């Protein structure tokens, strides 16, 4: 693995990274979109390659190259507070080329590193893999009867997941996985040398140097995040091996499923007992303390199998501090239950009409 990662980066890798970029991505502080470099590569190519390879091979990253604009994108039609905006980073194309070259080397290794429970950003894995498993488990919970022990499905959402990643945790995870320290130093150089200014109404405001977090808009960030999330997966697997939690098997011959991950969207399945829920709470707290992640209690919920009584439901939900749902309505944007009115279940929300003047 490290033999390939530590090879010198080449001009061909930089050119390939450029061709993989969407031409009309929003420009960073340099004001140039990828289309400019793609169209005029015969003019700017040599200078750009020299700049990018200096970063990749010599670890010489000029702070101005990693200067980034933050644009706040509203999550709803009438946002009233800062939590209703999504911060998107607009990086310089030259920096994104360096970051994408690193990502292209990491990407082929992910399938062998990341556990099967994670389905985000990994070549060869589909989002539908987790969706189908989640739907089967949900169907099992809805139909489970009898006095035998109940089960729970815990849907957890991490609050500002990218922004909360601690840099020391990220570095530790990369080294623990087995990445060479030289390659890790290159990644951390790209992550920690960032500085921000905010774009509002077309003008630049403020200056900020963060102490943690990875950027939405950096080509490398999705892969770094799922490497960090692998720590949570490993902790849950360890609890399952030790017998402290037991996943859900939808049939006698089916394997047990204890958790599913899609980036920061987490589904955890276990028995409806105080011991299991306390173990899940301890794992999530341990992961959060180390990584900086924080569960968004407002967006998190717990669903119980039909054979779990009301008193038990209240006691177990209180352990995690999340609300009780009769059913998780959607997972990764798809509805769990589709009734007769299928069009209503799967159609996108209608956009408000705009009257012509």
Protein backbone atom coordinates (compact mmCIF):
# COMPACT_ATOMS: atom_id res chain seq x y z
CA UNK A 1 0.00 0.00 0.00
CA UNK A 2 2.57 2.57 1.10
CA UNK A 3 4.88 1.71 -1.78
CA UNK A 4 2.29 3.10 -4.20
CA UNK A 5 1.36 6.04 -1.99
CA UNK A 6 4.96 7.22 -1.59
CA UNK A 7 5.79 7.26 -5.30
CA UNK A 8 6.51 10.71 -6.72
CA UNK A 9 3.46 12.40 -8.16
CA UNK A 10 3.62 13.01 -11.92
CA UNK A 11 2.36 15.58 -14.41
CA UNK A 12 -0.01 12.96 -15.85
CA UNK A 13 -1.71 12.59 -12.46
CA UNK A 14 -2.25 16.35 -12.30
CA UNK A 15 -3.70 16.39 -15.83
CA UNK A 16 -5.98 13.44 -15.01
CA UNK A 17 -7.20 15.23 -11.87
CA UNK A 18 -8.10 18.28 -13.94
CA UNK A 19 -10.07 16.28 -16.52
CA UNK A 20 -12.07 14.69 -13.68
CA UNK A 21 -13.25 18.09 -12.43
CA UNK A 22 -16.65 19.44 -13.39
CA UNK A 23 -15.83 22.40 -15.69
CA UNK A 24 -18.21 24.94 -14.17
CA UNK A 25 -17.59 24.43 -10.46
CA UNK A 26 -17.77 27.70 -8.52
CA UNK A 27 -14.39 29.48 -8.47
CA UNK A 28 -12.32 30.05 -5.35
CA UNK A 29 -10.43 33.21 -4.38
CA UNK A 30 -8.43 33.07 -7.64
CA UNK A 31 -11.67 33.64 -9.56
CA UNK A 32 -11.00 30.78 -11.99
CA UNK A 33 -13.22 27.75 -12.59
CA UNK A 34 -11.77 24.43 -13.85
CA UNK A 35 -13.00 25.26 -17.36
CA UNK A 36 -10.36 27.99 -17.61
CA UNK A 37 -7.53 25.54 -16.93
CA UNK A 38 -9.08 22.90 -19.17
CA UNK A 39 -9.47 25.29 -22.11
CA UNK A 40 -6.09 26.99 -21.78
CA UNK A 41 -3.99 24.08 -20.54
CA UNK A 42 -1.57 24.58 -23.43
CA UNK A 43 -0.78 28.01 -21.95
CA UNK A 44 -1.05 27.55 -18.17
CA UNK A 45 -0.35 23.80 -17.96
CA UNK A 46 3.40 23.86 -17.30
CA UNK A 47 3.16 26.52 -14.59
CA UNK A 48 0.19 24.79 -12.94
CA UNK A 49 1.89 21.37 -12.94
CA UNK A 50 5.05 22.86 -11.44
CA UNK A 51 3.02 24.52 -8.67
CA UNK A 52 0.96 21.41 -7.86
CA UNK A 53 3.92 19.00 -7.92
CA UNK A 54 5.83 21.33 -5.60
CA UNK A 55 3.02 20.82 -3.07
CA UNK A 56 2.75 17.07 -3.58
CA UNK A 57 6.41 16.08 -3.82
CA UNK A 58 8.09 18.76 -1.70
CA UNK A 59 5.24 19.42 0.78
CA UNK A 60 5.73 23.13 0.05
CA UNK A 61 2.25 24.60 0.33
CA UNK A 62 2.02 28.38 0.10
CA UNK A 63 -0.68 29.63 2.52
CA UNK A 64 -2.25 31.77 -0.23
CA UNK A 65 -2.86 28.63 -2.29
CA UNK A 66 -4.96 27.16 0.53
CA UNK A 67 -6.89 30.37 1.21
CA UNK A 68 -10.58 29.50 0.89
CA UNK A 69 -13.87 31.36 0.54
CA UNK A 70 -16.82 30.16 2.64
CA UNK A 71 -20.28 30.53 1.12
CA UNK A 72 -23.34 29.89 3.29
CA UNK A 73 -26.02 27.93 1.42
CA UNK A 74 -29.49 27.99 3.06
CA UNK A 75 -30.94 24.57 3.93
CA UNK A 76 -34.52 25.87 3.93
CA UNK A 77 -36.51 28.59 2.19
CA UNK A 78 -36.52 31.09 5.10
CA UNK A 79 -33.48 30.50 7.33
CA UNK A 80 -33.60 32.25 10.70
CA UNK A 81 -30.38 31.12 12.40
CA UNK A 82 -26.86 30.09 11.45
CA UNK A 83 -27.55 26.36 11.90
CA UNK A 84 -29.92 26.55 8.93
CA UNK A 85 -27.03 27.34 6.57
CA UNK A 86 -24.57 24.85 5.08
CA UNK A 87 -20.99 26.21 4.77
CA UNK A 88 -19.45 25.32 1.41
CA UNK A 89 -15.74 25.87 0.79
CA UNK A 90 -14.66 27.38 -2.51
CA UNK A 91 -11.00 26.40 -2.97
CA UNK A 92 -8.49 27.52 -5.57
CA UNK A 93 -8.30 25.12 -8.52
CA UNK A 94 -4.54 24.66 -8.04
CA UNK A 95 -5.11 23.44 -4.49
CA UNK A 96 -8.00 21.21 -5.56
CA UNK A 97 -5.71 19.60 -8.13
CA UNK A 98 -3.24 18.68 -5.39
CA UNK A 99 -6.02 17.43 -3.13
CA UNK A 100 -7.61 15.40 -5.93
CA UNK A 101 -4.28 13.76 -6.79
CA UNK A 102 -4.02 12.58 -3.17
CA UNK A 103 -7.65 11.41 -3.23
CA UNK A 104 -7.04 9.44 -6.44
CA UNK A 105 -4.28 7.49 -4.69
CA UNK A 106 -6.35 6.83 -1.57
CA UNK A 107 -9.58 5.86 -3.36
CA UNK A 108 -8.53 2.42 -4.70
CA UNK A 109 -7.47 1.35 -1.18
CA UNK A 110 -10.75 2.15 0.57
CA UNK A 111 -12.61 -1.05 -0.27
CA UNK A 112 -9.99 -3.12 1.56
CA UNK A 113 -9.74 -0.68 4.50
CA UNK A 114 -13.33 0.34 5.23
CA UNK A 115 -15.78 -2.15 6.75
CA UNK A 116 -18.74 -3.37 4.63
CA UNK A 117 -21.20 -1.41 6.77
CA UNK A 118 -20.05 1.86 5.13
CA UNK A 119 -21.50 2.53 1.66
CA UNK A 120 -20.49 6.16 1.00
CA UNK A 121 -17.78 7.31 -1.45
CA UNK A 122 -16.22 3.86 -1.94
CA UNK A 123 -15.76 2.63 -5.53
CA UNK A 124 -17.78 -0.52 -6.15
CA UNK A 125 -20.26 0.08 -3.34
CA UNK A 126 -23.76 1.40 -3.92
CA UNK A 127 -25.95 3.56 -1.71
CA UNK A 128 -28.76 1.09 -2.43
CA UNK A 129 -26.83 -1.70 -0.66
CA UNK A 130 -27.45 -0.11 2.73
CA UNK A 131 -30.92 1.07 1.76
CA UNK A 132 -32.11 -2.46 0.97
CA UNK A 133 -30.64 -3.89 4.19
CA UNK A 134 -32.21 -1.06 6.24
CA UNK A 135 -35.61 -1.66 4.64
CA UNK A 136 -35.45 -5.39 5.41
CA UNK A 137 -34.55 -4.78 9.06
CA UNK A 138 -37.28 -2.15 9.37
CA UNK A 139 -39.83 -4.58 7.93
CA UNK A 140 -38.68 -7.18 10.47
CA UNK A 141 -39.10 -4.74 13.38
CA UNK A 142 -42.60 -3.75 12.29
CA UNK A 143 -43.72 -7.37 12.11
CA UNK A 144 -41.96 -8.78 15.19
CA UNK A 145 -44.43 -10.26 17.67
CA UNK A 146 -44.41 -12.51 20.72
CA UNK A 147 -42.88 -12.19 24.16
CA UNK A 148 -39.33 -12.90 23.07
CA UNK A 149 -36.94 -9.95 23.44
CA UNK A 150 -37.50 -6.86 21.34
CA UNK A 151 -35.07 -4.94 19.14
CA UNK A 152 -34.37 -1.29 18.36
CA UNK A 153 -33.21 0.75 15.40
CA UNK A 154 -31.34 3.93 16.35
CA UNK A 155 -30.98 6.60 13.70
CA UNK A 156 -28.17 9.03 14.55
CA UNK A 157 -27.22 12.23 12.81
CA UNK A 158 -23.94 13.96 13.59
CA UNK A 159 -24.08 17.72 14.11
CA UNK A 160 -21.78 19.66 11.72
CA UNK A 161 -19.90 16.41 11.10
CA UNK A 162 -17.15 17.73 8.79
CA UNK A 163 -16.56 20.88 10.83
CA UNK A 164 -16.03 19.03 14.13
CA UNK A 165 -13.33 16.54 13.12
CA UNK A 166 -10.33 17.01 15.43
CA UNK A 167 -7.06 17.16 13.50
CA UNK A 168 -5.16 15.10 16.07
CA UNK A 169 -7.83 12.38 15.79
CA UNK A 170 -7.62 12.42 11.99
CA UNK A 171 -3.85 12.06 12.07
CA UNK A 172 -4.05 9.25 14.64
CA UNK A 173 -6.61 7.33 12.57
CA UNK A 174 -4.53 7.59 9.39
CA UNK A 175 -1.44 6.29 11.18
CA UNK A 176 -3.41 3.53 12.92
CA UNK A 177 -4.82 2.33 9.60
CA UNK A 178 -1.26 1.99 8.31
CA UNK A 179 -0.60 5.02 6.12
CA UNK A 180 3.07 6.01 6.09
CA UNK A 181 3.90 9.05 8.20
CA UNK A 182 5.26 10.91 5.15
CA UNK A 183 1.96 10.51 3.31
CA UNK A 184 0.03 11.43 6.46
CA UNK A 185 2.16 14.58 6.81
CA UNK A 186 1.18 15.57 3.26
CA UNK A 187 -2.51 15.08 4.01
CA UNK A 188 -2.31 17.01 7.28
CA UNK A 189 -0.41 19.82 5.53
CA UNK A 190 -3.36 20.22 3.17
CA UNK A 191 -5.88 20.05 6.03
CA UNK A 192 -4.22 22.29 8.62
CA UNK A 193 -2.82 25.09 6.44
CA UNK A 194 -6.27 26.34 5.46
CA UNK A 195 -7.52 29.87 6.11
CA UNK A 196 -11.00 31.25 5.46
CA UNK A 197 -12.85 34.39 4.49
CA UNK A 198 -16.64 34.63 4.16
CA UNK A 199 -18.41 35.64 0.96
CA UNK A 200 -21.62 37.60 1.52
CA UNK A 201 -23.48 39.48 -1.19
CA UNK A 202 -20.49 39.11 -3.49
CA UNK A 203 -18.01 40.68 -1.05
CA UNK A 204 -15.30 39.14 1.12
CA UNK A 205 -15.52 39.54 4.91
CA UNK A 206 -13.28 38.53 7.80
CA UNK A 207 -10.35 36.17 8.13
CA UNK A 208 -10.29 32.90 10.07
CA UNK A 209 -7.71 30.19 10.74
CA UNK A 210 -9.50 27.10 12.10
CA UNK A 211 -8.17 24.63 14.66
CA UNK A 212 -10.21 21.63 13.52
CA UNK A 213 -12.54 20.41 10.78
CA UNK A 214 -12.35 19.40 7.14
CA UNK A 215 -13.94 21.27 4.26
CA UNK A 216 -17.06 20.51 2.26
CA UNK A 217 -15.75 21.33 -1.20
CA UNK A 218 -12.30 19.77 -0.81
CA UNK A 219 -12.05 16.63 -3.04
CA UNK A 220 -10.19 14.75 -0.29
CA UNK A 221 -12.63 15.49 2.55
CA UNK A 222 -15.24 12.74 1.91
CA UNK A 223 -12.55 10.05 2.05
CA UNK A 224 -10.96 11.48 5.18
CA UNK A 225 -14.35 11.56 6.87
CA UNK A 226 -15.22 7.92 6.20
CA UNK A 227 -11.76 6.92 7.44
CA UNK A 228 -12.57 8.73 10.69
CA UNK A 229 -16.06 7.18 10.82
CA UNK A 230 -14.42 3.75 10.58
CA UNK A 231 -13.42 4.23 14.23
CA UNK A 232 -17.11 4.21 15.22
CA UNK A 233 -17.69 1.10 13.13
CA UNK A 234 -14.74 -0.69 14.78
CA UNK A 235 -15.99 0.19 18.28
CA UNK A 236 -19.44 -1.22 17.50
CA UNK A 237 -17.90 -4.35 15.99
CA UNK A 238 -15.80 -4.84 19.13
CA UNK A 239 -18.92 -4.60 21.30
CA UNK A 240 -20.63 -7.16 19.10
CA UNK A 241 -17.67 -9.57 19.33
CA UNK A 242 -17.61 -9.18 23.13
CA UNK A 243 -21.33 -9.94 23.30
CA UNK A 244 -22.25 -6.57 24.78
CA UNK A 245 -24.59 -5.84 21.87
CA UNK A 246 -26.29 -8.18 19.44
CA UNK A 247 -27.47 -7.12 16.01
CA UNK A 248 -30.71 -7.98 14.25
CA UNK A 249 -31.13 -11.10 12.10
CA UNK A 250 -34.24 -10.88 9.90
CA UNK A 251 -34.35 -14.68 9.50
CA UNK A 252 -32.84 -17.73 11.16
CA UNK A 253 -30.13 -18.19 8.53
CA UNK A 254 -29.52 -14.46 7.97
CA UNK A 255 -26.41 -12.71 9.31
CA UNK A 256 -26.86 -10.25 12.15
CA UNK A 257 -26.72 -6.55 11.28
CA UNK A 258 -25.54 -4.24 14.06
CA UNK A 259 -24.98 -0.99 12.16
CA UNK A 260 -25.06 0.71 8.77
CA UNK A 261 -23.15 3.88 7.84
CA UNK A 262 -23.47 6.34 5.01
CA UNK A 263 -20.92 9.08 5.76
CA UNK A 264 -22.35 10.72 8.92
CA UNK A 265 -25.76 9.00 8.74
CA UNK A 266 -25.67 6.11 11.21
CA UNK A 267 -28.17 3.32 11.84
CA UNK A 268 -27.55 1.06 14.85
CA UNK A 269 -29.52 -2.12 15.50
CA UNK A 270 -29.47 -4.02 18.80
CA UNK A 271 -31.59 -5.73 21.43
CA UNK A 272 -34.05 -3.62 23.42
CA UNK A 273 -32.24 -3.95 26.75
CA UNK A 274 -30.65 -1.46 29.14
CA UNK A 275 -27.28 -3.20 28.77
CA UNK A 276 -27.30 -2.88 24.96
CA UNK A 277 -28.41 0.75 24.94
CA UNK A 278 -25.91 1.69 27.65
CA UNK A 279 -23.16 0.10 25.57
CA UNK A 280 -24.25 2.04 22.48
CA UNK A 281 -24.30 5.26 24.51
CA UNK A 282 -20.80 4.57 25.86
CA UNK A 283 -19.45 3.85 22.36
CA UNK A 284 -20.97 7.01 20.86
CA UNK A 285 -19.69 9.13 23.76
CA UNK A 286 -16.19 7.64 23.45
CA UNK A 287 -16.14 8.23 19.69
CA UNK A 288 -17.43 11.78 20.13
CA UNK A 289 -14.87 12.63 22.81
CA UNK A 290 -12.00 11.43 20.63
CA UNK A 291 -13.16 12.69 17.23
CA UNK A 292 -15.04 15.86 18.17
CA UNK A 293 -18.30 14.50 16.72
CA UNK A 294 -21.57 15.39 18.44
CA UNK A 295 -24.92 13.66 18.01
CA UNK A 296 -27.69 15.95 16.80
CA UNK A 297 -30.46 14.91 19.19
CA UNK A 298 -33.12 16.85 17.28
CA UNK A 299 -32.51 14.80 14.12
CA UNK A 300 -31.86 11.49 15.87
CA UNK A 301 -34.56 9.00 16.84
CA UNK A 302 -35.20 5.45 18.01
CA UNK A 303 -37.70 2.89 16.73
CA UNK A 304 -38.74 -0.21 18.68
CA UNK A 305 -40.01 -3.53 17.43
CA UNK A 306 -43.73 -4.09 17.90
CA UNK A 307 -43.28 -6.46 20.85
CA UNK A 308 -41.58 -3.82 23.07
CA UNK A 309 -43.90 -2.39 25.73
CA UNK A 310 -44.37 1.34 26.33
CA UNK A 311 -42.59 1.46 29.71
CA UNK A 312 -39.49 -0.21 28.29
CA UNK A 313 -39.51 2.16 25.31
CA UNK A 314 -39.50 5.24 27.54
CA UNK A 315 -36.72 3.89 29.77
CA UNK A 316 -34.46 2.94 26.86
CA UNK A 317 -35.03 6.16 24.89
CA UNK A 318 -34.02 8.14 27.99
CA UNK A 319 -30.62 6.40 28.02
CA UNK A 320 -29.76 7.92 24.63
CA UNK A 321 -31.78 11.11 25.00
CA UNK A 322 -33.44 10.80 21.60
CA UNK A 323 -37.10 10.90 20.62
CA UNK A 324 -39.21 7.80 19.98
CA UNK A 325 -40.62 7.29 16.49
CA UNK A 326 -43.19 4.70 15.49
CA UNK A 327 -41.26 4.31 12.25
CA UNK A 328 -38.30 5.99 10.56
CA UNK A 329 -40.08 7.67 7.67
CA UNK A 330 -37.05 7.80 5.36
CA UNK A 331 -33.52 6.52 5.07
CA UNK A 332 -31.11 8.35 2.76
CA UNK A 333 -34.06 10.16 1.19
CA UNK A 334 -36.09 7.05 0.36
CA UNK A 335 -39.35 6.19 2.20
CA UNK A 336 -39.45 3.04 4.34
CA UNK A 337 -43.14 2.47 3.63
CA UNK A 338 -44.88 3.06 0.30
CA UNK A 339 -48.66 2.92 0.48
CA UNK A 340 -51.24 3.04 -2.25
CA UNK A 341 -50.40 6.63 -3.08
CA UNK A 342 -46.94 5.80 -4.42
CA UNK A 343 -46.57 9.09 -6.27
CA UNK A 344 -46.84 11.04 -3.01
CA UNK A 345 -44.21 8.82 -1.34
CA UNK A 346 -41.50 9.07 -3.97
CA UNK A 347 -42.11 12.41 -5.70
CA UNK A 348 -39.97 15.44 -4.99
CA UNK A 349 -41.55 18.39 -3.16
CA UNK A 350 -43.10 20.82 -5.59
CA UNK A 351 -41.25 24.05 -6.19
CA UNK A 352 -43.21 27.24 -5.64
CA UNK A 353 -44.38 28.72 -8.91
CA UNK A 354 -42.98 32.07 -10.02
CA UNK A 355 -45.41 34.48 -11.59
CA UNK A 356 -44.28 36.15 -14.78
CA UNK A 357 -44.31 39.91 -14.69
